[in-house]
Amino acid sequence: MKFDPKVHTPPGHLRHRASTRLKGFDYSVDGAYFITLVTYQRAMLFGEIVDGNMQLNRRGEIVQEEWFRSTEIRKEIRLFADEFVVMPNHIHGIVWIVDDESSHNIIDTTKNDITNDVGANGRSPLHNQPSIHMKPKSFRSFVAGFNSSVTKRIRDELNETGIWQRNFHDRIIRNDRELDAVRNYIASNPGNWAEDNENPIMEKR
């Protein structure tokens, strides 16, 4: 699937492109955000792909449980089963920030005075960020909370640490066409694992 290269980073190439985080954009406003979180050093922590299907181990189960448990803690967040996947060494998901239960708005960035951030990487570190700079009902606070809860549960239950890479990749979903493309990408991710850029086997080819 192809996205407009002037606006998007193709999902399968997120690791090799600059972030599409928008400079000056308010990441607490209503809308949908596509996120990829990768394990530390791309370690295969969450399970394995068998016949095109993801088989979660206990770590992977914790990741999945904590993703959807986030809606119990953050009432402004909406998450849906067909918009999330756990892979052996990363996850993809769509995060909705809404004002009420009926609000599912696609962000119209044409109404904001913003430009694409094409700096060194533009990605948001998940650690060492002073809480004073993080809005309590923002996309970034959701990611930090999810990251922290997964790390804590895996440490407490399995006595393991070093789960996530420090940075994450995100993109604002700007219209219905993009939303459909991202949903399809998420759904097809396990079946396309052999060609996934996060698959360490790809580097050996």
N, C-alpha and C. Protein backbone atom coordinates (compact mmCIF):
# COMPACT_ATOMS: atom_id res chain seq x y z
N MET A 1 0.84 -1.17 0.00
CA MET A 1 0.00 0.00 0.00
C MET A 1 0.89 1.24 0.00
N LYS A 2 0.51 2.28 -0.71
CA LYS A 2 1.34 3.47 -0.82
C LYS A 2 0.62 4.68 -0.26
N PHE A 3 1.36 5.52 0.46
CA PHE A 3 0.86 6.78 0.95
C PHE A 3 1.55 7.90 0.19
N ASP A 4 0.95 9.08 0.21
CA ASP A 4 1.54 10.23 -0.46
C ASP A 4 2.88 10.55 0.20
N PRO A 5 4.01 10.41 -0.49
CA PRO A 5 5.31 10.63 0.13
C PRO A 5 5.53 12.06 0.59
N LYS A 6 4.75 13.00 0.09
CA LYS A 6 4.89 14.38 0.55
C LYS A 6 4.28 14.58 1.92
N VAL A 7 3.42 13.67 2.32
CA VAL A 7 2.68 13.83 3.57
C VAL A 7 2.94 12.69 4.53
N HIS A 8 3.06 11.48 4.02
CA HIS A 8 3.10 10.31 4.88
C HIS A 8 4.45 9.63 4.89
N THR A 9 4.63 8.82 5.91
CA THR A 9 5.68 7.83 5.92
C THR A 9 5.02 6.48 5.75
N PRO A 10 5.31 5.70 4.71
CA PRO A 10 4.68 4.40 4.54
C PRO A 10 4.88 3.54 5.78
N PRO A 11 3.82 2.92 6.31
CA PRO A 11 3.93 2.16 7.55
C PRO A 11 5.04 1.14 7.54
N GLY A 12 5.26 0.46 6.46
CA GLY A 12 6.29 -0.58 6.41
C GLY A 12 7.70 -0.04 6.41
N HIS A 13 7.85 1.30 6.33
CA HIS A 13 9.19 1.89 6.26
C HIS A 13 9.43 2.88 7.39
N LEU A 14 8.64 2.79 8.47
CA LEU A 14 8.74 3.77 9.54
C LEU A 14 10.13 3.82 10.16
N ARG A 15 10.79 2.69 10.24
CA ARG A 15 12.07 2.66 10.93
C ARG A 15 13.15 3.42 10.18
N HIS A 16 12.97 3.63 8.89
CA HIS A 16 14.03 4.22 8.08
C HIS A 16 13.72 5.65 7.66
N ARG A 17 12.61 6.22 8.12
CA ARG A 17 12.22 7.54 7.69
C ARG A 17 12.18 8.51 8.86
N ALA A 18 12.24 9.80 8.54
CA ALA A 18 12.05 10.82 9.58
C ALA A 18 10.61 10.77 10.05
N SER A 19 10.39 11.14 11.32
CA SER A 19 9.04 11.14 11.86
C SER A 19 8.17 12.15 11.13
N THR A 20 6.86 11.86 11.08
CA THR A 20 5.93 12.83 10.52
C THR A 20 5.21 13.60 11.62
N ARG A 21 5.79 13.61 12.81
CA ARG A 21 5.26 14.46 13.88
C ARG A 21 5.22 15.90 13.38
N LEU A 22 4.13 16.60 13.64
CA LEU A 22 3.94 17.95 13.13
C LEU A 22 4.36 18.99 14.15
N LYS A 23 5.26 19.85 13.75
CA LYS A 23 5.76 20.90 14.63
C LYS A 23 4.63 21.87 14.98
N GLY A 24 4.45 22.11 16.25
CA GLY A 24 3.45 23.06 16.69
C GLY A 24 2.05 22.50 16.77
N PHE A 25 1.87 21.19 16.43
CA PHE A 25 0.52 20.63 16.46
C PHE A 25 0.18 20.21 17.88
N ASP A 26 -1.07 20.47 18.30
CA ASP A 26 -1.54 20.13 19.64
C ASP A 26 -1.95 18.67 19.66
N TYR A 27 -1.11 17.80 20.23
CA TYR A 27 -1.37 16.37 20.23
C TYR A 27 -2.39 15.96 21.30
N SER A 28 -3.13 16.92 21.88
CA SER A 28 -4.21 16.58 22.79
C SER A 28 -5.57 16.80 22.15
N VAL A 29 -5.61 17.29 20.88
CA VAL A 29 -6.89 17.55 20.23
C VAL A 29 -7.51 16.25 19.75
N ASP A 30 -8.83 16.32 19.49
CA ASP A 30 -9.54 15.15 19.00
C ASP A 30 -8.91 14.63 17.71
N GLY A 31 -8.91 13.31 17.54
CA GLY A 31 -8.43 12.75 16.29
C GLY A 31 -7.85 11.38 16.48
N ALA A 32 -7.31 10.83 15.39
CA ALA A 32 -6.76 9.48 15.37
C ALA A 32 -5.26 9.55 15.11
N TYR A 33 -4.51 8.73 15.83
CA TYR A 33 -3.06 8.71 15.72
C TYR A 33 -2.61 7.26 15.50
N PHE A 34 -1.74 7.06 14.51
CA PHE A 34 -1.17 5.74 14.23
C PHE A 34 0.19 5.65 14.91
N ILE A 35 0.39 4.62 15.72
CA ILE A 35 1.62 4.50 16.51
C ILE A 35 2.28 3.16 16.29
N THR A 36 3.61 3.17 16.28
CA THR A 36 4.42 1.96 16.29
C THR A 36 5.39 2.04 17.46
N LEU A 37 5.38 1.02 18.29
CA LEU A 37 6.35 0.88 19.38
C LEU A 37 7.17 -0.37 19.12
N VAL A 38 8.49 -0.26 19.24
CA VAL A 38 9.41 -1.36 18.94
C VAL A 38 10.14 -1.77 20.21
N THR A 39 10.43 -3.06 20.34
CA THR A 39 11.16 -3.55 21.50
C THR A 39 12.62 -3.11 21.46
N TYR A 40 13.24 -3.14 22.61
CA TYR A 40 14.65 -2.77 22.72
C TYR A 40 15.50 -3.71 21.87
N GLN A 41 16.30 -3.12 20.99
CA GLN A 41 17.16 -3.84 20.06
C GLN A 41 16.36 -4.85 19.21
N ARG A 42 15.08 -4.55 19.03
CA ARG A 42 14.18 -5.38 18.21
C ARG A 42 14.16 -6.84 18.66
N ALA A 43 14.32 -7.05 19.95
CA ALA A 43 14.27 -8.42 20.49
C ALA A 43 12.88 -9.02 20.30
N MET A 44 12.83 -10.31 20.01
CA MET A 44 11.56 -10.99 19.75
C MET A 44 10.92 -11.39 21.08
N LEU A 45 10.29 -10.42 21.73
CA LEU A 45 9.84 -10.61 23.10
C LEU A 45 8.40 -11.09 23.24
N PHE A 46 7.56 -10.85 22.24
CA PHE A 46 6.12 -10.97 22.46
C PHE A 46 5.49 -12.25 21.90
N GLY A 47 6.26 -13.10 21.27
CA GLY A 47 5.72 -14.33 20.71
C GLY A 47 6.30 -14.60 19.33
N GLU A 48 5.57 -15.36 18.53
CA GLU A 48 6.06 -15.72 17.20
C GLU A 48 4.91 -15.83 16.21
N ILE A 49 5.26 -15.69 14.94
CA ILE A 49 4.29 -15.84 13.86
C ILE A 49 4.27 -17.31 13.43
N VAL A 50 3.09 -17.92 13.46
CA VAL A 50 2.91 -19.31 13.05
C VAL A 50 1.81 -19.35 11.99
N ASP A 51 2.17 -19.76 10.79
CA ASP A 51 1.20 -19.86 9.69
C ASP A 51 0.44 -18.54 9.48
N GLY A 52 1.18 -17.43 9.56
CA GLY A 52 0.58 -16.13 9.30
C GLY A 52 -0.22 -15.55 10.44
N ASN A 53 -0.19 -16.19 11.61
CA ASN A 53 -0.92 -15.71 12.78
C ASN A 53 0.03 -15.48 13.93
N MET A 54 -0.23 -14.43 14.70
CA MET A 54 0.61 -14.12 15.85
C MET A 54 0.20 -14.96 17.04
N GLN A 55 1.17 -15.68 17.61
CA GLN A 55 0.97 -16.48 18.81
C GLN A 55 1.64 -15.74 19.97
N LEU A 56 0.84 -15.17 20.85
CA LEU A 56 1.38 -14.38 21.94
C LEU A 56 1.95 -15.26 23.05
N ASN A 57 3.10 -14.86 23.58
CA ASN A 57 3.58 -15.45 24.83
C ASN A 57 3.06 -14.59 25.98
N ARG A 58 3.54 -14.82 27.21
CA ARG A 58 3.00 -14.07 28.34
C ARG A 58 3.31 -12.58 28.22
N ARG A 59 4.49 -12.22 27.72
CA ARG A 59 4.80 -10.80 27.54
C ARG A 59 3.81 -10.16 26.56
N GLY A 60 3.58 -10.87 25.46
CA GLY A 60 2.65 -10.35 24.46
C GLY A 60 1.25 -10.20 25.01
N GLU A 61 0.82 -11.14 25.85
CA GLU A 61 -0.49 -11.04 26.47
C GLU A 61 -0.58 -9.82 27.37
N ILE A 62 0.48 -9.54 28.10
CA ILE A 62 0.50 -8.36 28.96
C ILE A 62 0.39 -7.09 28.13
N VAL A 63 1.13 -7.04 27.02
CA VAL A 63 1.06 -5.87 26.14
C VAL A 63 -0.37 -5.65 25.66
N GLN A 64 -1.01 -6.72 25.21
CA GLN A 64 -2.37 -6.60 24.70
C GLN A 64 -3.36 -6.19 25.80
N GLU A 65 -3.21 -6.78 26.97
CA GLU A 65 -4.09 -6.45 28.09
C GLU A 65 -3.93 -4.98 28.49
N GLU A 66 -2.71 -4.51 28.58
CA GLU A 66 -2.47 -3.14 29.03
C GLU A 66 -2.91 -2.11 27.99
N TRP A 67 -2.82 -2.47 26.70
CA TRP A 67 -3.29 -1.55 25.65
C TRP A 67 -4.76 -1.22 25.86
N PHE A 68 -5.58 -2.25 26.02
CA PHE A 68 -7.02 -2.01 26.14
C PHE A 68 -7.42 -1.57 27.54
N ARG A 69 -6.63 -1.90 28.53
CA ARG A 69 -6.91 -1.43 29.89
C ARG A 69 -6.72 0.08 29.99
N SER A 70 -5.98 0.64 29.05
CA SER A 70 -5.74 2.09 29.07
C SER A 70 -7.04 2.88 29.01
N THR A 71 -8.07 2.32 28.37
CA THR A 71 -9.34 3.05 28.26
C THR A 71 -10.05 3.13 29.61
N GLU A 72 -9.71 2.23 30.54
CA GLU A 72 -10.31 2.30 31.87
C GLU A 72 -9.71 3.44 32.67
N ILE A 73 -8.47 3.79 32.36
CA ILE A 73 -7.75 4.82 33.10
C ILE A 73 -7.93 6.18 32.45
N ARG A 74 -7.94 6.21 31.11
CA ARG A 74 -8.00 7.47 30.37
C ARG A 74 -9.30 7.50 29.58
N LYS A 75 -10.28 8.19 30.11
CA LYS A 75 -11.62 8.20 29.52
C LYS A 75 -11.67 8.92 28.18
N GLU A 76 -10.67 9.73 27.87
CA GLU A 76 -10.65 10.43 26.58
C GLU A 76 -10.13 9.56 25.45
N ILE A 77 -9.66 8.34 25.77
CA ILE A 77 -9.06 7.44 24.79
C ILE A 77 -10.07 6.41 24.32
N ARG A 78 -10.10 6.14 22.99
CA ARG A 78 -10.88 5.04 22.43
C ARG A 78 -9.93 4.13 21.65
N LEU A 79 -10.05 2.82 21.90
CA LEU A 79 -9.21 1.82 21.24
C LEU A 79 -10.11 0.71 20.74
N PHE A 80 -9.76 0.13 19.56
CA PHE A 80 -10.60 -0.89 18.95
C PHE A 80 -9.74 -2.09 18.53
N ALA A 81 -10.34 -3.28 18.69
CA ALA A 81 -9.59 -4.52 18.48
C ALA A 81 -9.04 -4.64 17.07
N ASP A 82 -9.79 -4.14 16.07
CA ASP A 82 -9.32 -4.27 14.68
C ASP A 82 -8.33 -3.18 14.30
N GLU A 83 -7.93 -2.36 15.26
CA GLU A 83 -6.96 -1.29 15.01
C GLU A 83 -5.70 -1.47 15.86
N PHE A 84 -5.38 -2.70 16.20
CA PHE A 84 -4.23 -2.97 17.07
C PHE A 84 -3.69 -4.36 16.76
N VAL A 85 -2.36 -4.48 16.77
CA VAL A 85 -1.74 -5.79 16.61
C VAL A 85 -0.43 -5.82 17.38
N VAL A 86 -0.20 -6.96 18.05
CA VAL A 86 1.08 -7.23 18.69
C VAL A 86 1.87 -8.14 17.76
N MET A 87 3.08 -7.74 17.43
CA MET A 87 3.98 -8.53 16.60
C MET A 87 5.13 -9.05 17.46
N PRO A 88 6.00 -9.92 16.94
CA PRO A 88 7.07 -10.47 17.78
C PRO A 88 7.94 -9.42 18.45
N ASN A 89 8.22 -8.30 17.77
CA ASN A 89 9.10 -7.30 18.37
C ASN A 89 8.58 -5.88 18.23
N HIS A 90 7.30 -5.71 17.96
CA HIS A 90 6.73 -4.36 17.90
C HIS A 90 5.21 -4.43 17.96
N ILE A 91 4.61 -3.29 18.12
CA ILE A 91 3.15 -3.20 18.06
C ILE A 91 2.76 -2.07 17.12
N HIS A 92 1.58 -2.19 16.52
CA HIS A 92 0.96 -1.10 15.77
C HIS A 92 -0.43 -0.87 16.35
N GLY A 93 -0.84 0.38 16.42
CA GLY A 93 -2.18 0.65 16.90
C GLY A 93 -2.66 2.03 16.48
N ILE A 94 -3.98 2.20 16.52
CA ILE A 94 -4.59 3.50 16.30
C ILE A 94 -5.18 3.96 17.63
N VAL A 95 -4.83 5.17 18.01
CA VAL A 95 -5.31 5.76 19.25
C VAL A 95 -6.24 6.93 18.90
N TRP A 96 -7.48 6.86 19.41
CA TRP A 96 -8.44 7.95 19.22
C TRP A 96 -8.50 8.78 20.49
N ILE A 97 -8.36 10.10 20.35
CA ILE A 97 -8.61 11.02 21.45
C ILE A 97 -9.91 11.75 21.14
N VAL A 98 -10.89 11.64 22.03
CA VAL A 98 -12.22 12.16 21.77
C VAL A 98 -12.74 12.93 22.98
N ASP A 99 -13.72 13.80 22.72
CA ASP A 99 -14.37 14.55 23.79
C ASP A 99 -15.51 13.77 24.41
N ASP A 100 -16.16 12.93 23.62
CA ASP A 100 -17.28 12.15 24.12
C ASP A 100 -17.32 10.82 23.39
N GLU A 101 -18.19 9.94 23.82
CA GLU A 101 -18.21 8.57 23.29
C GLU A 101 -18.61 8.50 21.83
N SER A 102 -19.27 9.52 21.33
CA SER A 102 -19.74 9.47 19.95
C SER A 102 -18.81 10.17 18.98
N SER A 103 -17.75 10.77 19.50
CA SER A 103 -16.88 11.59 18.65
C SER A 103 -15.74 10.76 18.10
N HIS A 104 -15.72 10.55 16.77
CA HIS A 104 -14.63 9.87 16.07
C HIS A 104 -14.23 10.75 14.89
N ASN A 105 -13.47 11.77 15.16
CA ASN A 105 -13.15 12.76 14.14
C ASN A 105 -11.77 12.50 13.55
N ILE A 106 -11.67 12.64 12.22
CA ILE A 106 -10.36 12.65 11.57
C ILE A 106 -9.82 14.07 11.64
N ILE A 107 -8.55 14.20 11.99
CA ILE A 107 -7.95 15.51 12.15
C ILE A 107 -7.83 16.22 10.80
N ASP A 108 -8.25 17.47 10.74
CA ASP A 108 -8.07 18.29 9.55
C ASP A 108 -6.91 19.24 9.81
N THR A 109 -5.72 18.86 9.34
CA THR A 109 -4.53 19.66 9.63
C THR A 109 -4.49 20.94 8.82
N THR A 110 -5.38 21.11 7.85
CA THR A 110 -5.39 22.34 7.06
C THR A 110 -5.86 23.51 7.90
N LYS A 111 -6.49 23.23 9.05
CA LYS A 111 -6.99 24.30 9.91
C LYS A 111 -5.97 24.71 10.96
N ASN A 112 -4.80 24.10 10.93
CA ASN A 112 -3.77 24.41 11.91
C ASN A 112 -2.57 25.04 11.21
N ASP A 113 -1.96 25.99 11.87
CA ASP A 113 -0.76 26.63 11.33
C ASP A 113 0.44 25.78 11.70
N ILE A 114 0.69 24.72 10.91
CA ILE A 114 1.72 23.76 11.24
C ILE A 114 2.46 23.35 9.99
N THR A 115 3.67 22.83 10.18
CA THR A 115 4.46 22.32 9.07
C THR A 115 5.03 20.98 9.47
N ASN A 116 5.41 20.16 8.50
CA ASN A 116 6.02 18.87 8.80
C ASN A 116 7.35 19.05 9.49
N ASP A 117 7.57 18.24 10.52
CA ASP A 117 8.84 18.23 11.22
C ASP A 117 9.77 17.24 10.53
N VAL A 118 10.84 17.72 9.92
CA VAL A 118 11.78 16.83 9.24
C VAL A 118 13.16 17.00 9.85
N GLY A 119 13.19 17.14 11.18
CA GLY A 119 14.45 17.30 11.88
C GLY A 119 15.17 15.97 11.99
N ALA A 120 16.09 15.87 12.96
CA ALA A 120 16.93 14.68 13.07
C ALA A 120 16.10 13.41 13.13
N ASN A 121 15.09 13.40 13.98
CA ASN A 121 14.14 12.28 13.92
C ASN A 121 12.76 12.72 14.38
N GLY A 122 12.66 13.75 15.20
CA GLY A 122 11.37 14.29 15.59
C GLY A 122 10.56 13.36 16.46
N ARG A 123 11.14 12.28 16.95
CA ARG A 123 10.37 11.31 17.71
C ARG A 123 10.41 11.65 19.19
N SER A 124 9.38 11.21 19.91
CA SER A 124 9.25 11.58 21.31
C SER A 124 9.85 10.51 22.21
N PRO A 125 10.89 10.86 22.99
CA PRO A 125 11.43 9.87 23.91
C PRO A 125 10.39 9.51 24.97
N LEU A 126 10.39 8.24 25.38
CA LEU A 126 9.43 7.79 26.37
C LEU A 126 9.98 7.91 27.79
N HIS A 127 11.24 8.25 27.92
CA HIS A 127 11.85 8.33 29.23
C HIS A 127 12.46 9.71 29.42
N ASN A 128 12.71 10.06 30.67
CA ASN A 128 13.41 11.30 31.02
C ASN A 128 12.69 12.54 30.50
N GLN A 129 11.37 12.49 30.45
CA GLN A 129 10.61 13.66 30.04
C GLN A 129 9.94 14.26 31.25
N PRO A 130 10.26 15.52 31.62
CA PRO A 130 9.63 16.13 32.78
C PRO A 130 8.12 16.15 32.61
N SER A 131 7.40 15.71 33.65
CA SER A 131 5.95 15.60 33.55
C SER A 131 5.29 16.95 33.35
N ILE A 132 5.96 18.03 33.72
CA ILE A 132 5.37 19.35 33.59
C ILE A 132 5.14 19.70 32.11
N HIS A 133 5.86 19.04 31.21
CA HIS A 133 5.73 19.34 29.78
C HIS A 133 4.75 18.40 29.08
N MET A 134 4.12 17.50 29.81
CA MET A 134 3.25 16.52 29.19
C MET A 134 1.80 16.77 29.60
N LYS A 135 0.95 17.12 28.64
CA LYS A 135 -0.45 17.34 28.95
C LYS A 135 -1.09 16.05 29.45
N PRO A 136 -1.95 16.15 30.48
CA PRO A 136 -2.51 14.94 31.07
C PRO A 136 -3.43 14.16 30.14
N LYS A 137 -4.09 14.84 29.18
CA LYS A 137 -5.00 14.15 28.26
C LYS A 137 -4.47 14.29 26.84
N SER A 138 -3.28 13.81 26.61
CA SER A 138 -2.66 13.94 25.30
C SER A 138 -2.23 12.57 24.80
N PHE A 139 -1.97 12.50 23.51
CA PHE A 139 -1.47 11.28 22.90
C PHE A 139 -0.16 10.85 23.55
N ARG A 140 0.70 11.81 23.80
CA ARG A 140 2.01 11.50 24.37
C ARG A 140 1.89 10.93 25.79
N SER A 141 0.97 11.48 26.59
CA SER A 141 0.80 10.96 27.94
C SER A 141 0.22 9.54 27.90
N PHE A 142 -0.64 9.27 26.92
CA PHE A 142 -1.15 7.91 26.76
C PHE A 142 -0.01 6.94 26.48
N VAL A 143 0.87 7.28 25.54
CA VAL A 143 1.98 6.39 25.17
C VAL A 143 2.90 6.16 26.36
N ALA A 144 3.22 7.22 27.08
CA ALA A 144 4.10 7.08 28.24
C ALA A 144 3.46 6.21 29.31
N GLY A 145 2.16 6.37 29.53
CA GLY A 145 1.48 5.55 30.52
C GLY A 145 1.41 4.09 30.13
N PHE A 146 1.11 3.83 28.85
CA PHE A 146 1.07 2.46 28.36
C PHE A 146 2.44 1.81 28.48
N ASN A 147 3.45 2.51 28.02
CA ASN A 147 4.82 2.01 28.11
C ASN A 147 5.19 1.64 29.54
N SER A 148 4.85 2.53 30.46
CA SER A 148 5.20 2.32 31.86
C SER A 148 4.45 1.13 32.46
N SER A 149 3.17 1.00 32.15
CA SER A 149 2.38 -0.09 32.73
C SER A 149 2.85 -1.45 32.23
N VAL A 150 3.20 -1.54 30.93
CA VAL A 150 3.72 -2.80 30.39
C VAL A 150 5.05 -3.14 31.05
N THR A 151 5.93 -2.17 31.14
CA THR A 151 7.24 -2.40 31.74
C THR A 151 7.11 -2.87 33.18
N LYS A 152 6.21 -2.23 33.94
CA LYS A 152 6.04 -2.60 35.34
C LYS A 152 5.47 -4.01 35.49
N ARG A 153 4.46 -4.35 34.69
CA ARG A 153 3.86 -5.68 34.83
C ARG A 153 4.83 -6.78 34.44
N ILE A 154 5.60 -6.57 33.38
CA ILE A 154 6.57 -7.59 32.97
C ILE A 154 7.67 -7.72 34.01
N ARG A 155 8.07 -6.59 34.58
CA ARG A 155 9.09 -6.65 35.64
C ARG A 155 8.54 -7.40 36.87
N ASP A 156 7.30 -7.08 37.27
CA ASP A 156 6.73 -7.69 38.47
C ASP A 156 6.42 -9.17 38.27
N GLU A 157 5.88 -9.54 37.10
CA GLU A 157 5.46 -10.91 36.87
C GLU A 157 6.59 -11.82 36.40
N LEU A 158 7.48 -11.28 35.56
CA LEU A 158 8.50 -12.12 34.93
C LEU A 158 9.92 -11.75 35.32
N ASN A 159 10.04 -10.69 36.12
CA ASN A 159 11.36 -10.23 36.58
C ASN A 159 12.27 -9.90 35.41
N GLU A 160 11.71 -9.21 34.41
CA GLU A 160 12.47 -8.82 33.22
C GLU A 160 12.34 -7.31 32.99
N THR A 161 13.37 -6.73 32.43
CA THR A 161 13.37 -5.30 32.12
C THR A 161 13.87 -5.10 30.69
N GLY A 162 13.98 -3.84 30.28
CA GLY A 162 14.49 -3.55 28.95
C GLY A 162 13.53 -3.95 27.86
N ILE A 163 12.29 -3.48 27.94
CA ILE A 163 11.25 -3.90 27.01
C ILE A 163 11.23 -3.06 25.73
N TRP A 164 11.22 -1.74 25.86
CA TRP A 164 10.97 -0.87 24.72
C TRP A 164 12.19 -0.10 24.27
N GLN A 165 12.25 0.22 22.98
CA GLN A 165 13.15 1.27 22.52
C GLN A 165 12.73 2.59 23.15
N ARG A 166 13.67 3.49 23.25
CA ARG A 166 13.36 4.76 23.89
C ARG A 166 12.35 5.58 23.08
N ASN A 167 12.45 5.56 21.79
CA ASN A 167 11.59 6.38 20.94
C ASN A 167 10.44 5.58 20.37
N PHE A 168 9.39 6.31 19.98
CA PHE A 168 8.29 5.66 19.27
C PHE A 168 8.02 6.42 17.99
N HIS A 169 7.27 5.81 17.08
CA HIS A 169 6.94 6.41 15.80
C HIS A 169 5.44 6.69 15.76
N ASP A 170 5.05 7.84 15.30
CA ASP A 170 3.63 8.15 15.24
C ASP A 170 3.31 8.99 14.01
N ARG A 171 2.05 8.95 13.62
CA ARG A 171 1.59 9.78 12.52
C ARG A 171 0.12 10.14 12.74
N ILE A 172 -0.25 11.36 12.46
CA ILE A 172 -1.64 11.78 12.51
C ILE A 172 -2.37 11.19 11.32
N ILE A 173 -3.53 10.60 11.56
CA ILE A 173 -4.37 10.10 10.47
C ILE A 173 -5.29 11.24 10.05
N ARG A 174 -5.19 11.68 8.79
CA ARG A 174 -5.80 12.94 8.38
C ARG A 174 -7.11 12.80 7.61
N ASN A 175 -7.42 11.60 7.12
CA ASN A 175 -8.67 11.44 6.37
C ASN A 175 -9.08 9.98 6.36
N ASP A 176 -10.28 9.70 5.82
CA ASP A 176 -10.81 8.34 5.83
C ASP A 176 -9.97 7.39 4.98
N ARG A 177 -9.40 7.89 3.91
CA ARG A 177 -8.56 7.03 3.07
C ARG A 177 -7.35 6.53 3.85
N GLU A 178 -6.72 7.41 4.57
CA GLU A 178 -5.58 7.01 5.40
C GLU A 178 -6.02 6.04 6.48
N LEU A 179 -7.17 6.30 7.09
CA LEU A 179 -7.65 5.43 8.15
C LEU A 179 -7.87 4.01 7.63
N ASP A 180 -8.49 3.87 6.47
CA ASP A 180 -8.71 2.56 5.88
C ASP A 180 -7.38 1.87 5.56
N ALA A 181 -6.43 2.64 5.03
CA ALA A 181 -5.12 2.07 4.68
C ALA A 181 -4.40 1.57 5.92
N VAL A 182 -4.43 2.34 6.99
CA VAL A 182 -3.74 1.93 8.22
C VAL A 182 -4.42 0.71 8.84
N ARG A 183 -5.74 0.70 8.85
CA ARG A 183 -6.46 -0.47 9.37
C ARG A 183 -6.08 -1.73 8.59
N ASN A 184 -6.04 -1.62 7.27
CA ASN A 184 -5.67 -2.77 6.44
C ASN A 184 -4.24 -3.20 6.71
N TYR A 185 -3.35 -2.22 6.89
CA TYR A 185 -1.96 -2.54 7.18
C TYR A 185 -1.84 -3.29 8.50
N ILE A 186 -2.54 -2.83 9.52
CA ILE A 186 -2.51 -3.49 10.83
C ILE A 186 -3.02 -4.92 10.71
N ALA A 187 -4.16 -5.10 10.03
CA ALA A 187 -4.76 -6.42 9.91
C ALA A 187 -3.87 -7.40 9.16
N SER A 188 -3.13 -6.90 8.17
CA SER A 188 -2.31 -7.78 7.33
C SER A 188 -0.89 -7.96 7.87
N ASN A 189 -0.54 -7.28 8.95
CA ASN A 189 0.83 -7.31 9.45
C ASN A 189 1.34 -8.72 9.77
N PRO A 190 0.60 -9.54 10.49
CA PRO A 190 1.12 -10.90 10.77
C PRO A 190 1.37 -11.71 9.50
N GLY A 191 0.48 -11.61 8.53
CA GLY A 191 0.65 -12.36 7.30
C GLY A 191 1.80 -11.90 6.46
N ASN A 192 2.24 -10.66 6.67
CA ASN A 192 3.35 -10.09 5.90
C ASN A 192 4.66 -10.05 6.69
N TRP A 193 4.72 -10.82 7.76
CA TRP A 193 5.88 -10.76 8.65
C TRP A 193 7.19 -11.08 7.92
N ALA A 194 7.17 -11.96 6.97
CA ALA A 194 8.40 -12.34 6.26
C ALA A 194 9.02 -11.16 5.53
N GLU A 195 8.20 -10.15 5.17
CA GLU A 195 8.69 -8.98 4.45
C GLU A 195 8.72 -7.73 5.32
N ASP A 196 8.49 -7.89 6.61
CA ASP A 196 8.41 -6.74 7.52
C ASP A 196 9.80 -6.18 7.79
N ASN A 197 9.93 -4.85 7.73
CA ASN A 197 11.23 -4.23 7.99
C ASN A 197 11.70 -4.41 9.43
N GLU A 198 10.79 -4.71 10.34
CA GLU A 198 11.19 -4.96 11.73
C GLU A 198 11.61 -6.40 11.96
N ASN A 199 11.47 -7.25 10.95
CA ASN A 199 11.88 -8.64 11.05
C ASN A 199 13.40 -8.73 10.87
N PRO A 200 14.15 -9.16 11.89
CA PRO A 200 15.61 -9.22 11.77
C PRO A 200 16.09 -10.04 10.59
N ILE A 201 15.31 -10.99 10.13
CA ILE A 201 15.71 -11.82 8.99
C ILE A 201 15.89 -10.97 7.74
N MET A 202 15.14 -9.87 7.64
CA MET A 202 15.24 -9.00 6.47
C MET A 202 16.63 -8.45 6.29
N GLU A 203 17.34 -8.17 7.39
CA GLU A 203 18.68 -7.59 7.31
C GLU A 203 19.70 -8.60 6.80
N LYS A 204 19.37 -9.88 6.86
CA LYS A 204 20.30 -10.92 6.45
C LYS A 204 20.18 -11.24 4.96
N ARG A 205 19.17 -10.67 4.31
CA ARG A 205 18.95 -10.98 2.89
C ARG A 205 19.83 -10.13 1.99
